[in-house]
Amino acid sequence: MRHYEIVFMIHPDKSEKSNSIVTNYKNIIKKFSGKIHRLEDWGKRHLSYPIKKLKKAHYILMNIEISKKNIKKIENLFKFDDSVIRNIIISVKKAISEVSAILKENNESLNKKESIVIKKIN
């Protein structure tokens, strides 16, 4: 079994169905005897450049452990899924389960905003 990091972007019109899309891929990974070490929903974010005239997409990050032949099947599923506009699958050396830098940054900025609001109230 190998370790992979997957980031895929869901079409913004299907963003409200992101939970069901992620659940579908989780079930597929489990069906292929894979393990999910990390799953993060980064939410809707601006794209660096327009893709198919879209300016935003819903980002999902997964770190999984699965066999090489089954990752090819998942890659093929991404290719034919209309709700996924882009994806990248990267092989990594070990399982990653800690929180990503993007979520840490978001949490820190939320904490700063909350502390500012608390200071203004007091």
PDB file of N, CA and C in Angstrom:
ATOM      1  N   MET A   1       0.847  -1.175   0.000  1.00  0.00           N
ATOM      2  CA  MET A   1       0.000   0.000   0.000  1.00  0.00           C
ATOM      3  C   MET A   1       0.895   1.241   0.000  1.00  0.00           C
ATOM      4  N   ARG A   2       0.495   2.218  -0.785  1.00  0.00           N
ATOM      5  CA  ARG A   2       1.228   3.473  -0.886  1.00  0.00           C
ATOM      6  C   ARG A   2       0.387   4.612  -0.323  1.00  0.00           C
ATOM      7  N   HIS A   3       1.065   5.687   0.003  1.00  0.00           N
ATOM      8  CA  HIS A   3       0.395   6.867   0.550  1.00  0.00           C
ATOM      9  C   HIS A   3       0.263   7.920  -0.546  1.00  0.00           C
ATOM     10  N   TYR A   4      -0.896   8.575  -0.583  1.00  0.00           N
ATOM     11  CA  TYR A   4      -1.169   9.599  -1.583  1.00  0.00           C
ATOM     12  C   TYR A   4      -1.854  10.794  -0.937  1.00  0.00           C
ATOM     13  N   GLU A   5      -1.584  11.959  -1.502  1.00  0.00           N
ATOM     14  CA  GLU A   5      -2.297  13.176  -1.129  1.00  0.00           C
ATOM     15  C   GLU A   5      -3.112  13.598  -2.340  1.00  0.00           C
ATOM     16  N   ILE A   6      -4.395  13.804  -2.135  1.00  0.00           N
ATOM     17  CA  ILE A   6      -5.307  14.156  -3.215  1.00  0.00           C
ATOM     18  C   ILE A   6      -5.956  15.488  -2.892  1.00  0.00           C
ATOM     19  N   VAL A   7      -5.926  16.399  -3.840  1.00  0.00           N
ATOM     20  CA  VAL A   7      -6.676  17.643  -3.738  1.00  0.00           C
ATOM     21  C   VAL A   7      -7.567  17.690  -4.964  1.00  0.00           C
ATOM     22  N   PHE A   8      -8.858  17.874  -4.735  1.00  0.00           N
ATOM     23  CA  PHE A   8      -9.749  18.036  -5.880  1.00  0.00           C
ATOM     24  C   PHE A   8     -10.682  19.212  -5.655  1.00  0.00           C
ATOM     25  N   MET A   9     -11.096  19.803  -6.780  1.00  0.00           N
ATOM     26  CA  MET A   9     -11.934  20.994  -6.742  1.00  0.00           C
ATOM     27  C   MET A   9     -13.306  20.646  -7.314  1.00  0.00           C
ATOM     28  N   ILE A  10     -14.317  20.959  -6.543  1.00  0.00           N
ATOM     29  CA  ILE A  10     -15.699  20.690  -6.937  1.00  0.00           C
ATOM     30  C   ILE A  10     -16.281  21.949  -7.567  1.00  0.00           C
ATOM     31  N   HIS A  11     -17.048  21.763  -8.614  1.00  0.00           N
ATOM     32  CA  HIS A  11     -17.716  22.879  -9.306  1.00  0.00           C
ATOM     33  C   HIS A  11     -18.515  23.687  -8.284  1.00  0.00           C
ATOM     34  N   PRO A  12     -18.428  25.027  -8.324  1.00  0.00           N
ATOM     35  CA  PRO A  12     -19.101  25.844  -7.302  1.00  0.00           C
ATOM     36  C   PRO A  12     -20.621  25.678  -7.276  1.00  0.00           C
ATOM     37  N   ASP A  13     -21.225  25.327  -8.398  1.00  0.00           N
ATOM     38  CA  ASP A  13     -22.672  25.096  -8.412  1.00  0.00           C
ATOM     39  C   ASP A  13     -23.050  23.827  -7.655  1.00  0.00           C
ATOM     40  N   LYS A  14     -22.090  22.921  -7.486  1.00  0.00           N
ATOM     41  CA  LYS A  14     -22.355  21.669  -6.778  1.00  0.00           C
ATOM     42  C   LYS A  14     -21.740  21.687  -5.382  1.00  0.00           C
ATOM     43  N   SER A  15     -21.368  22.864  -4.929  1.00  0.00           N
ATOM     44  CA  SER A  15     -20.717  23.016  -3.628  1.00  0.00           C
ATOM     45  C   SER A  15     -21.610  22.544  -2.482  1.00  0.00           C
ATOM     46  N   GLU A  16     -22.907  22.771  -2.582  1.00  0.00           N
ATOM     47  CA  GLU A  16     -23.818  22.342  -1.508  1.00  0.00           C
ATOM     48  C   GLU A  16     -23.907  20.818  -1.429  1.00  0.00           C
ATOM     49  N   LYS A  17     -23.513  20.117  -2.497  1.00  0.00           N
ATOM     50  CA  LYS A  17     -23.516  18.650  -2.504  1.00  0.00           C
ATOM     51  C   LYS A  17     -22.134  18.087  -2.198  1.00  0.00           C
ATOM     52  N   SER A  18     -21.234  18.922  -1.728  1.00  0.00           N
ATOM     53  CA  SER A  18     -19.854  18.481  -1.500  1.00  0.00           C
ATOM     54  C   SER A  18     -19.785  17.339  -0.487  1.00  0.00           C
ATOM     55  N   ASN A  19     -20.631  17.367   0.535  1.00  0.00           N
ATOM     56  CA  ASN A  19     -20.614  16.293   1.539  1.00  0.00           C
ATOM     57  C   ASN A  19     -20.949  14.949   0.909  1.00  0.00           C
ATOM     58  N   SER A  20     -21.939  14.909   0.032  1.00  0.00           N
ATOM     59  CA  SER A  20     -22.300  13.642  -0.604  1.00  0.00           C
ATOM     60  C   SER A  20     -21.223  13.190  -1.596  1.00  0.00           C
ATOM     61  N   ILE A  21     -20.579  14.144  -2.263  1.00  0.00           N
ATOM     62  CA  ILE A  21     -19.499  13.800  -3.196  1.00  0.00           C
ATOM     63  C   ILE A  21     -18.322  13.210  -2.422  1.00  0.00           C
ATOM     64  N   VAL A  22     -17.957  13.838  -1.307  1.00  0.00           N
ATOM     65  CA  VAL A  22     -16.854  13.349  -0.481  1.00  0.00           C
ATOM     66  C   VAL A  22     -17.200  11.982   0.104  1.00  0.00           C
ATOM     67  N   THR A  23     -18.427  11.809   0.567  1.00  0.00           N
ATOM     68  CA  THR A  23     -18.864  10.523   1.104  1.00  0.00           C
ATOM     69  C   THR A  23     -18.765   9.438   0.048  1.00  0.00           C
ATOM     70  N   ASN A  24     -19.117   9.775  -1.172  1.00  0.00           N
ATOM     71  CA  ASN A  24     -19.026   8.824  -2.282  1.00  0.00           C
ATOM     72  C   ASN A  24     -17.573   8.371  -2.481  1.00  0.00           C
ATOM     73  N   TYR A  25     -16.639   9.321  -2.501  1.00  0.00           N
ATOM     74  CA  TYR A  25     -15.234   8.962  -2.681  1.00  0.00           C
ATOM     75  C   TYR A  25     -14.680   8.219  -1.468  1.00  0.00           C
ATOM     76  N   LYS A  26     -15.138   8.554  -0.264  1.00  0.00           N
ATOM     77  CA  LYS A  26     -14.724   7.817   0.934  1.00  0.00           C
ATOM     78  C   LYS A  26     -15.154   6.356   0.832  1.00  0.00           C
ATOM     79  N   ASN A  27     -16.385   6.136   0.382  1.00  0.00           N
ATOM     80  CA  ASN A  27     -16.889   4.769   0.236  1.00  0.00           C
ATOM     81  C   ASN A  27     -16.118   4.000  -0.834  1.00  0.00           C
ATOM     82  N   ILE A  28     -15.753   4.676  -1.912  1.00  0.00           N
ATOM     83  CA  ILE A  28     -14.974   4.037  -2.978  1.00  0.00           C
ATOM     84  C   ILE A  28     -13.600   3.626  -2.445  1.00  0.00           C
ATOM     85  N   ILE A  29     -12.967   4.513  -1.682  1.00  0.00           N
ATOM     86  CA  ILE A  29     -11.647   4.203  -1.121  1.00  0.00           C
ATOM     87  C   ILE A  29     -11.745   3.017  -0.169  1.00  0.00           C
ATOM     88  N   LYS A  30     -12.764   2.995   0.672  1.00  0.00           N
ATOM     89  CA  LYS A  30     -12.948   1.873   1.590  1.00  0.00           C
ATOM     90  C   LYS A  30     -13.239   0.586   0.826  1.00  0.00           C
ATOM     91  N   LYS A  31     -13.995   0.688  -0.267  1.00  0.00           N
ATOM     92  CA  LYS A  31     -14.303  -0.484  -1.102  1.00  0.00           C
ATOM     93  C   LYS A  31     -13.035  -1.076  -1.703  1.00  0.00           C
ATOM     94  N   PHE A  32     -12.072  -0.213  -2.034  1.00  0.00           N
ATOM     95  CA  PHE A  32     -10.796  -0.653  -2.593  1.00  0.00           C
ATOM     96  C   PHE A  32      -9.777  -0.997  -1.497  1.00  0.00           C
ATOM     97  N   SER A  33     -10.227  -1.198  -0.270  1.00  0.00           N
ATOM     98  CA  SER A  33      -9.385  -1.546   0.886  1.00  0.00           C
ATOM     99  C   SER A  33      -8.367  -0.460   1.221  1.00  0.00           C
ATOM    100  N   GLY A  34      -8.740   0.783   1.007  1.00  0.00           N
ATOM    101  CA  GLY A  34      -7.867   1.905   1.333  1.00  0.00           C
ATOM    102  C   GLY A  34      -8.184   2.484   2.700  1.00  0.00           C
ATOM    103  N   LYS A  35      -7.266   3.302   3.207  1.00  0.00           N
ATOM    104  CA  LYS A  35      -7.451   3.982   4.489  1.00  0.00           C
ATOM    105  C   LYS A  35      -7.344   5.480   4.269  1.00  0.00           C
ATOM    106  N   ILE A  36      -8.185   6.230   4.951  1.00  0.00           N
ATOM    107  CA  ILE A  36      -8.136   7.689   4.886  1.00  0.00           C
ATOM    108  C   ILE A  36      -7.465   8.186   6.166  1.00  0.00           C
ATOM    109  N   HIS A  37      -6.341   8.870   6.010  1.00  0.00           N
ATOM    110  CA  HIS A  37      -5.599   9.377   7.161  1.00  0.00           C
ATOM    111  C   HIS A  37      -5.985  10.820   7.492  1.00  0.00           C
ATOM    112  N   ARG A  38      -6.340  11.587   6.472  1.00  0.00           N
ATOM    113  CA  ARG A  38      -6.723  12.991   6.689  1.00  0.00           C
ATOM    114  C   ARG A  38      -7.754  13.365   5.639  1.00  0.00           C
ATOM    115  N   LEU A  39      -8.776  14.088   6.075  1.00  0.00           N
ATOM    116  CA  LEU A  39      -9.808  14.594   5.172  1.00  0.00           C
ATOM    117  C   LEU A  39     -10.154  16.005   5.616  1.00  0.00           C
ATOM    118  N   GLU A  40      -9.930  16.973   4.723  1.00  0.00           N
ATOM    119  CA  GLU A  40     -10.208  18.372   5.062  1.00  0.00           C
ATOM    120  C   GLU A  40     -11.068  19.008   3.975  1.00  0.00           C
ATOM    121  N   ASP A  41     -12.042  19.747   4.427  1.00  0.00           N
ATOM    122  CA  ASP A  41     -12.893  20.524   3.530  1.00  0.00           C
ATOM    123  C   ASP A  41     -12.456  21.980   3.657  1.00  0.00           C
ATOM    124  N   TRP A  42     -11.797  22.486   2.627  1.00  0.00           N
ATOM    125  CA  TRP A  42     -11.288  23.854   2.673  1.00  0.00           C
ATOM    126  C   TRP A  42     -12.347  24.867   2.279  1.00  0.00           C
ATOM    127  N   GLY A  43     -13.479  24.407   1.806  1.00  0.00           N
ATOM    128  CA  GLY A  43     -14.560  25.306   1.433  1.00  0.00           C
ATOM    129  C   GLY A  43     -14.345  25.959   0.076  1.00  0.00           C
ATOM    130  N   LYS A  44     -15.186  26.947  -0.198  1.00  0.00           N
ATOM    131  CA  LYS A  44     -15.113  27.673  -1.474  1.00  0.00           C
ATOM    132  C   LYS A  44     -13.986  28.683  -1.415  1.00  0.00           C
ATOM    133  N   ARG A  45     -13.124  28.634  -2.432  1.00  0.00           N
ATOM    134  CA  ARG A  45     -11.981  29.534  -2.491  1.00  0.00           C
ATOM    135  C   ARG A  45     -11.848  30.094  -3.901  1.00  0.00           C
ATOM    136  N   HIS A  46     -11.210  31.259  -3.994  1.00  0.00           N
ATOM    137  CA  HIS A  46     -10.961  31.871  -5.300  1.00  0.00           C
ATOM    138  C   HIS A  46      -9.888  31.089  -6.042  1.00  0.00           C
ATOM    139  N   LEU A  47     -10.065  30.968  -7.343  1.00  0.00           N
ATOM    140  CA  LEU A  47      -9.064  30.324  -8.189  1.00  0.00           C
ATOM    141  C   LEU A  47      -8.008  31.342  -8.600  1.00  0.00           C
ATOM    142  N   SER A  48      -6.800  30.878  -8.860  1.00  0.00           N
ATOM    143  CA  SER A  48      -5.724  31.770  -9.310  1.00  0.00           C
ATOM    144  C   SER A  48      -6.011  32.318 -10.696  1.00  0.00           C
ATOM    145  N   TYR A  49      -6.663  31.512 -11.495  1.00  0.00           N
ATOM    146  CA  TYR A  49      -7.041  31.901 -12.842  1.00  0.00           C
ATOM    147  C   TYR A  49      -8.356  31.203 -13.178  1.00  0.00           C
ATOM    148  N   PRO A  50      -9.164  31.773 -14.071  1.00  0.00           N
ATOM    149  CA  PRO A  50     -10.449  31.155 -14.397  1.00  0.00           C
ATOM    150  C   PRO A  50     -10.281  29.781 -15.050  1.00  0.00           C
ATOM    151  N   ILE A  51     -11.114  28.853 -14.651  1.00  0.00           N
ATOM    152  CA  ILE A  51     -11.176  27.527 -15.256  1.00  0.00           C
ATOM    153  C   ILE A  51     -12.596  27.340 -15.754  1.00  0.00           C
ATOM    154  N   LYS A  52     -12.736  27.156 -17.055  1.00  0.00           N
ATOM    155  CA  LYS A  52     -14.063  27.011 -17.669  1.00  0.00           C
ATOM    156  C   LYS A  52     -14.978  28.166 -17.265  1.00  0.00           C
ATOM    157  N   LYS A  53     -14.425  29.378 -17.252  1.00  0.00           N
ATOM    158  CA  LYS A  53     -15.121  30.622 -16.906  1.00  0.00           C
ATOM    159  C   LYS A  53     -15.589  30.666 -15.444  1.00  0.00           C
ATOM    160  N   LEU A  54     -14.993  29.848 -14.596  1.00  0.00           N
ATOM    161  CA  LEU A  54     -15.320  29.843 -13.170  1.00  0.00           C
ATOM    162  C   LEU A  54     -14.233  30.587 -12.403  1.00  0.00           C
ATOM    163  N   LYS A  55     -14.630  31.297 -11.366  1.00  0.00           N
ATOM    164  CA  LYS A  55     -13.666  32.055 -10.567  1.00  0.00           C
ATOM    165  C   LYS A  55     -13.500  31.482  -9.168  1.00  0.00           C
ATOM    166  N   LYS A  56     -14.378  30.553  -8.769  1.00  0.00           N
ATOM    167  CA  LYS A  56     -14.306  29.917  -7.456  1.00  0.00           C
ATOM    168  C   LYS A  56     -14.500  28.418  -7.606  1.00  0.00           C
ATOM    169  N   ALA A  57     -14.047  27.691  -6.605  1.00  0.00           N
ATOM    170  CA  ALA A  57     -14.270  26.243  -6.553  1.00  0.00           C
ATOM    171  C   ALA A  57     -14.248  25.810  -5.087  1.00  0.00           C
ATOM    172  N   HIS A  58     -14.819  24.663  -4.820  1.00  0.00           N
ATOM    173  CA  HIS A  58     -14.860  24.087  -3.476  1.00  0.00           C
ATOM    174  C   HIS A  58     -13.727  23.065  -3.377  1.00  0.00           C
ATOM    175  N   TYR A  59     -12.782  23.288  -2.457  1.00  0.00           N
ATOM    176  CA  TYR A  59     -11.579  22.457  -2.348  1.00  0.00           C
ATOM    177  C   TYR A  59     -11.725  21.375  -1.284  1.00  0.00           C
ATOM    178  N   ILE A  60     -11.219  20.180  -1.598  1.00  0.00           N
ATOM    179  CA  ILE A  60     -11.188  19.054  -0.668  1.00  0.00           C
ATOM    180  C   ILE A  60      -9.774  18.468  -0.682  1.00  0.00           C
ATOM    181  N   LEU A  61      -9.231  18.170   0.505  1.00  0.00           N
ATOM    182  CA  LEU A  61      -7.920  17.533   0.634  1.00  0.00           C
ATOM    183  C   LEU A  61      -8.103  16.184   1.307  1.00  0.00           C
ATOM    184  N   MET A  62      -7.463  15.151   0.747  1.00  0.00           N
ATOM    185  CA  MET A  62      -7.492  13.814   1.342  1.00  0.00           C
ATOM    186  C   MET A  62      -6.080  13.240   1.352  1.00  0.00           C
ATOM    187  N   ASN A  63      -5.710  12.594   2.436  1.00  0.00           N
ATOM    188  CA  ASN A  63      -4.497  11.786   2.477  1.00  0.00           C
ATOM    189  C   ASN A  63      -4.941  10.347   2.696  1.00  0.00           C
ATOM    190  N   ILE A  64      -4.567   9.491   1.754  1.00  0.00           N
ATOM    191  CA  ILE A  64      -5.053   8.116   1.796  1.00  0.00           C
ATOM    192  C   ILE A  64      -3.901   7.135   1.645  1.00  0.00           C
ATOM    193  N   GLU A  65      -4.193   5.896   1.979  1.00  0.00           N
ATOM    194  CA  GLU A  65      -3.269   4.786   1.775  1.00  0.00           C
ATOM    195  C   GLU A  65      -4.025   3.748   0.963  1.00  0.00           C
ATOM    196  N   ILE A  66      -3.495   3.425  -0.216  1.00  0.00           N
ATOM    197  CA  ILE A  66      -4.203   2.539  -1.145  1.00  0.00           C
ATOM    198  C   ILE A  66      -3.188   1.923  -2.103  1.00  0.00           C
ATOM    199  N   SER A  67      -3.571   0.859  -2.764  1.00  0.00           N
ATOM    200  CA  SER A  67      -2.667   0.214  -3.715  1.00  0.00           C
ATOM    201  C   SER A  67      -2.561   1.033  -5.005  1.00  0.00           C
ATOM    202  N   LYS A  68      -1.491   0.776  -5.746  1.00  0.00           N
ATOM    203  CA  LYS A  68      -1.217   1.536  -6.965  1.00  0.00           C
ATOM    204  C   LYS A  68      -2.291   1.315  -8.026  1.00  0.00           C
ATOM    205  N   LYS A  69      -2.765   0.085  -8.181  1.00  0.00           N
ATOM    206  CA  LYS A  69      -3.779  -0.183  -9.217  1.00  0.00           C
ATOM    207  C   LYS A  69      -5.110   0.490  -8.875  1.00  0.00           C
ATOM    208  N   ASN A  70      -5.414   0.597  -7.576  1.00  0.00           N
ATOM    209  CA  ASN A  70      -6.677   1.222  -7.182  1.00  0.00           C
ATOM    210  C   ASN A  70      -6.622   2.744  -7.259  1.00  0.00           C
ATOM    211  N   ILE A  71      -5.440   3.327  -7.097  1.00  0.00           N
ATOM    212  CA  ILE A  71      -5.346   4.787  -7.248  1.00  0.00           C
ATOM    213  C   ILE A  71      -5.597   5.160  -8.704  1.00  0.00           C
ATOM    214  N   LYS A  72      -5.214   4.291  -9.620  1.00  0.00           N
ATOM    215  CA  LYS A  72      -5.489   4.528 -11.041  1.00  0.00           C
ATOM    216  C   LYS A  72      -6.995   4.518 -11.296  1.00  0.00           C
ATOM    217  N   LYS A  73      -7.714   3.647 -10.608  1.00  0.00           N
ATOM    218  CA  LYS A  73      -9.174   3.600 -10.742  1.00  0.00           C
ATOM    219  C   LYS A  73      -9.808   4.883 -10.211  1.00  0.00           C
ATOM    220  N   ILE A  74      -9.300   5.376  -9.082  1.00  0.00           N
ATOM    221  CA  ILE A  74      -9.821   6.619  -8.508  1.00  0.00           C
ATOM    222  C   ILE A  74      -9.522   7.789  -9.430  1.00  0.00           C
ATOM    223  N   GLU A  75      -8.320   7.801  -9.987  1.00  0.00           N
ATOM    224  CA  GLU A  75      -7.945   8.849 -10.939  1.00  0.00           C
ATOM    225  C   GLU A  75      -8.890   8.840 -12.145  1.00  0.00           C
ATOM    226  N   ASN A  76      -9.252   7.664 -12.596  1.00  0.00           N
ATOM    227  CA  ASN A  76     -10.188   7.534 -13.711  1.00  0.00           C
ATOM    228  C   ASN A  76     -11.584   8.024 -13.327  1.00  0.00           C
ATOM    229  N   LEU A  77     -11.996   7.771 -12.094  1.00  0.00           N
ATOM    230  CA  LEU A  77     -13.297   8.253 -11.623  1.00  0.00           C
ATOM    231  C   LEU A  77     -13.335   9.779 -11.593  1.00  0.00           C
ATOM    232  N   PHE A  78     -12.244  10.413 -11.159  1.00  0.00           N
ATOM    233  CA  PHE A  78     -12.166  11.875 -11.172  1.00  0.00           C
ATOM    234  C   PHE A  78     -12.321  12.410 -12.594  1.00  0.00           C
ATOM    235  N   LYS A  79     -11.700  11.718 -13.524  1.00  0.00           N
ATOM    236  CA  LYS A  79     -11.702  12.167 -14.918  1.00  0.00           C
ATOM    237  C   LYS A  79     -13.120  12.243 -15.489  1.00  0.00           C
ATOM    238  N   PHE A  80     -13.971  11.305 -15.089  1.00  0.00           N
ATOM    239  CA  PHE A  80     -15.316  11.246 -15.650  1.00  0.00           C
ATOM    240  C   PHE A  80     -16.400  11.813 -14.741  1.00  0.00           C
ATOM    241  N   ASP A  81     -16.016  12.424 -13.641  1.00  0.00           N
ATOM    242  CA  ASP A  81     -16.969  13.044 -12.722  1.00  0.00           C
ATOM    243  C   ASP A  81     -17.151  14.511 -13.118  1.00  0.00           C
ATOM    244  N   ASP A  82     -18.359  14.893 -13.509  1.00  0.00           N
ATOM    245  CA  ASP A  82     -18.639  16.262 -13.950  1.00  0.00           C
ATOM    246  C   ASP A  82     -18.545  17.284 -12.822  1.00  0.00           C
ATOM    247  N   SER A  83     -18.724  16.843 -11.591  1.00  0.00           N
ATOM    248  CA  SER A  83     -18.685  17.784 -10.475  1.00  0.00           C
ATOM    249  C   SER A  83     -17.250  18.154 -10.080  1.00  0.00           C
ATOM    250  N   VAL A  84     -16.272  17.363 -10.480  1.00  0.00           N
ATOM    251  CA  VAL A  84     -14.864  17.642 -10.176  1.00  0.00           C
ATOM    252  C   VAL A  84     -14.244  18.350 -11.373  1.00  0.00           C
ATOM    253  N   ILE A  85     -13.806  19.610 -11.156  1.00  0.00           N
ATOM    254  CA  ILE A  85     -13.251  20.364 -12.285  1.00  0.00           C
ATOM    255  C   ILE A  85     -11.743  20.193 -12.416  1.00  0.00           C
ATOM    256  N   ARG A  86     -11.039  19.930 -11.315  1.00  0.00           N
ATOM    257  CA  ARG A  86      -9.600  19.663 -11.348  1.00  0.00           C
ATOM    258  C   ARG A  86      -9.249  18.747 -10.180  1.00  0.00           C
ATOM    259  N   ASN A  87      -8.176  17.964 -10.355  1.00  0.00           N
ATOM    260  CA  ASN A  87      -7.677  17.139  -9.266  1.00  0.00           C
ATOM    261  C   ASN A  87      -6.194  16.925  -9.441  1.00  0.00           C
ATOM    262  N   ILE A  88      -5.536  16.636  -8.342  1.00  0.00           N
ATOM    263  CA  ILE A  88      -4.128  16.279  -8.376  1.00  0.00           C
ATOM    264  C   ILE A  88      -3.909  15.184  -7.343  1.00  0.00           C
ATOM    265  N   ILE A  89      -3.166  14.171  -7.753  1.00  0.00           N
ATOM    266  CA  ILE A  89      -2.836  13.058  -6.870  1.00  0.00           C
ATOM    267  C   ILE A  89      -1.320  12.984  -6.785  1.00  0.00           C
ATOM    268  N   ILE A  90      -0.803  13.114  -5.570  1.00  0.00           N
ATOM    269  CA  ILE A  90       0.636  13.131  -5.346  1.00  0.00           C
ATOM    270  C   ILE A  90       1.007  11.971  -4.429  1.00  0.00           C
ATOM    271  N   SER A  91       2.031  11.244  -4.802  1.00  0.00           N
ATOM    272  CA  SER A  91       2.544  10.173  -3.961  1.00  0.00           C
ATOM    273  C   SER A  91       3.402  10.789  -2.849  1.00  0.00           C
ATOM    274  N   VAL A  92       3.161  10.368  -1.612  1.00  0.00           N
ATOM    275  CA  VAL A  92       3.942  10.863  -0.476  1.00  0.00           C
ATOM    276  C   VAL A  92       4.600   9.680   0.229  1.00  0.00           C
ATOM    277  N   LYS A  93       5.634   9.960   1.012  1.00  0.00           N
ATOM    278  CA  LYS A  93       6.428   8.894   1.626  1.00  0.00           C
ATOM    279  C   LYS A  93       5.739   8.242   2.826  1.00  0.00           C
ATOM    280  N   LYS A  94       4.965   9.031   3.584  1.00  0.00           N
ATOM    281  CA  LYS A  94       4.336   8.486   4.789  1.00  0.00           C
ATOM    282  C   LYS A  94       2.946   9.086   4.960  1.00  0.00           C
ATOM    283  N   ALA A  95       2.200   8.506   5.858  1.00  0.00           N
ATOM    284  CA  ALA A  95       0.848   8.991   6.136  1.00  0.00           C
ATOM    285  C   ALA A  95       0.918  10.354   6.818  1.00  0.00           C
ATOM    286  N   ILE A  96       0.094  11.271   6.365  1.00  0.00           N
ATOM    287  CA  ILE A  96       0.020  12.608   6.950  1.00  0.00           C
ATOM    288  C   ILE A  96      -1.354  12.744   7.589  1.00  0.00           C
ATOM    289  N   SER A  97      -1.364  13.056   8.872  1.00  0.00           N
ATOM    290  CA  SER A  97      -2.653  13.172   9.564  1.00  0.00           C
ATOM    291  C   SER A  97      -2.827  14.491  10.294  1.00  0.00           C
ATOM    292  N   GLU A  98      -1.771  15.301  10.388  1.00  0.00           N
ATOM    293  CA  GLU A  98      -1.917  16.582  11.082  1.00  0.00           C
ATOM    294  C   GLU A  98      -2.650  17.598  10.205  1.00  0.00           C
ATOM    295  N   VAL A  99      -3.107  18.661  10.820  1.00  0.00           N
ATOM    296  CA  VAL A  99      -3.880  19.688  10.128  1.00  0.00           C
ATOM    297  C   VAL A  99      -2.988  20.408   9.112  1.00  0.00           C
ATOM    298  N   SER A 100      -3.535  20.682   7.944  1.00  0.00           N
ATOM    299  CA  SER A 100      -2.769  21.350   6.887  1.00  0.00           C
ATOM    300  C   SER A 100      -2.534  22.822   7.227  1.00  0.00           C
ATOM    301  N   ALA A 101      -1.571  23.413   6.543  1.00  0.00           N
ATOM    302  CA  ALA A 101      -1.217  24.816   6.768  1.00  0.00           C
ATOM    303  C   ALA A 101      -2.377  25.748   6.430  1.00  0.00           C
ATOM    304  N   ILE A 102      -3.157  25.398   5.436  1.00  0.00           N
ATOM    305  CA  ILE A 102      -4.291  26.245   5.037  1.00  0.00           C
ATOM    306  C   ILE A 102      -5.330  26.312   6.154  1.00  0.00           C
ATOM    307  N   LEU A 103      -5.654  25.182   6.761  1.00  0.00           N
ATOM    308  CA  LEU A 103      -6.626  25.195   7.856  1.00  0.00           C
ATOM    309  C   LEU A 103      -6.055  25.866   9.099  1.00  0.00           C
ATOM    310  N   LYS A 104      -4.765  25.675   9.363  1.00  0.00           N
ATOM    311  CA  LYS A 104      -4.143  26.361  10.493  1.00  0.00           C
ATOM    312  C   LYS A 104      -4.247  27.870  10.312  1.00  0.00           C
ATOM    313  N   GLU A 105      -3.953  28.326   9.092  1.00  0.00           N
ATOM    314  CA  GLU A 105      -4.015  29.756   8.779  1.00  0.00           C
ATOM    315  C   GLU A 105      -5.434  30.285   8.962  1.00  0.00           C
ATOM    316  N   ASN A 106      -6.422  29.536   8.477  1.00  0.00           N
ATOM    317  CA  ASN A 106      -7.819  29.954   8.619  1.00  0.00           C
ATOM    318  C   ASN A 106      -8.219  30.022  10.087  1.00  0.00           C
ATOM    319  N   ASN A 107      -7.816  29.017  10.874  1.00  0.00           N
ATOM    320  CA  ASN A 107      -8.157  29.003  12.302  1.00  0.00           C
ATOM    321  C   ASN A 107      -7.499  30.156  13.046  1.00  0.00           C
ATOM    322  N   GLU A 108      -6.238  30.449  12.706  1.00  0.00           N
ATOM    323  CA  GLU A 108      -5.541  31.555  13.358  1.00  0.00           C
ATOM    324  C   GLU A 108      -6.193  32.890  13.018  1.00  0.00           C
ATOM    325  N   SER A 109      -6.581  33.075  11.756  1.00  0.00           N
ATOM    326  CA  SER A 109      -7.225  34.338  11.376  1.00  0.00           C
ATOM    327  C   SER A 109      -8.592  34.462  12.034  1.00  0.00           C
ATOM    328  N   LEU A 110      -9.314  33.348  12.196  1.00  0.00           N
ATOM    329  CA  LEU A 110     -10.600  33.386  12.897  1.00  0.00           C
ATOM    330  C   LEU A 110     -10.392  33.742  14.365  1.00  0.00           C
ATOM    331  N   ASN A 111      -9.358  33.159  14.976  1.00  0.00           N
ATOM    332  CA  ASN A 111      -9.078  33.462  16.391  1.00  0.00           C
ATOM    333  C   ASN A 111      -8.719  34.930  16.570  1.00  0.00           C
ATOM    334  N   LYS A 112      -7.955  35.506  15.639  1.00  0.00           N
ATOM    335  CA  LYS A 112      -7.600  36.923  15.714  1.00  0.00           C
ATOM    336  C   LYS A 112      -8.840  37.790  15.603  1.00  0.00           C
ATOM    337  N   LYS A 113      -9.732  37.441  14.665  1.00  0.00           N
ATOM    338  CA  LYS A 113     -10.966  38.219  14.496  1.00  0.00           C
ATOM    339  C   LYS A 113     -11.833  38.131  15.744  1.00  0.00           C
ATOM    340  N   GLU A 114     -11.917  36.930  16.335  1.00  0.00           N
ATOM    341  CA  GLU A 114     -12.703  36.766  17.550  1.00  0.00           C
ATOM    342  C   GLU A 114     -12.117  37.592  18.689  1.00  0.00           C
ATOM    343  N   SER A 115     -10.778  37.616  18.812  1.00  0.00           N
ATOM    344  CA  SER A 115     -10.165  38.382  19.896  1.00  0.00           C
ATOM    345  C   SER A 115     -10.372  39.881  19.685  1.00  0.00           C
ATOM    346  N   ILE A 116     -10.377  40.327  18.433  1.00  0.00           N
ATOM    347  CA  ILE A 116     -10.647  41.745  18.139  1.00  0.00           C
ATOM    348  C   ILE A 116     -12.076  42.092  18.539  1.00  0.00           C
ATOM    349  N   VAL A 117     -12.999  41.214  18.210  1.00  0.00           N
ATOM    350  CA  VAL A 117     -14.402  41.451  18.560  1.00  0.00           C
ATOM    351  C   VAL A 117     -14.567  41.470  20.069  1.00  0.00           C
ATOM    352  N   ILE A 118     -13.916  40.566  20.772  1.00  0.00           N
ATOM    353  CA  ILE A 118     -14.003  40.521  22.233  1.00  0.00           C
ATOM    354  C   ILE A 118     -13.432  41.810  22.837  1.00  0.00           C
ATOM    355  N   LYS A 119     -12.314  42.292  22.307  1.00  0.00           N
ATOM    356  CA  LYS A 119     -11.711  43.530  22.817  1.00  0.00           C
ATOM    357  C   LYS A 119     -12.640  44.712  22.588  1.00  0.00           C
ATOM    358  N   LYS A 120     -13.297  44.761  21.434  1.00  0.00           N
ATOM    359  CA  LYS A 120     -14.190  45.875  21.143  1.00  0.00           C
ATOM    360  C   LYS A 120     -15.420  45.844  22.055  1.00  0.00           C
ATOM    361  N   ILE A 121     -15.890  44.664  22.393  1.00  0.00           N
ATOM    362  CA  ILE A 121     -17.063  44.531  23.251  1.00  0.00           C
ATOM    363  C   ILE A 121     -16.711  44.953  24.669  1.00  0.00           C
ATOM    364  N   ASN A 122     -15.533  44.560  25.133  1.00  0.00           N
ATOM    365  CA  ASN A 122     -15.114  44.892  26.511  1.00  0.00           C
ATOM    366  C   ASN A 122     -14.739  46.316  26.547  1.00  0.00           C
TER     367      ASN A 122
END
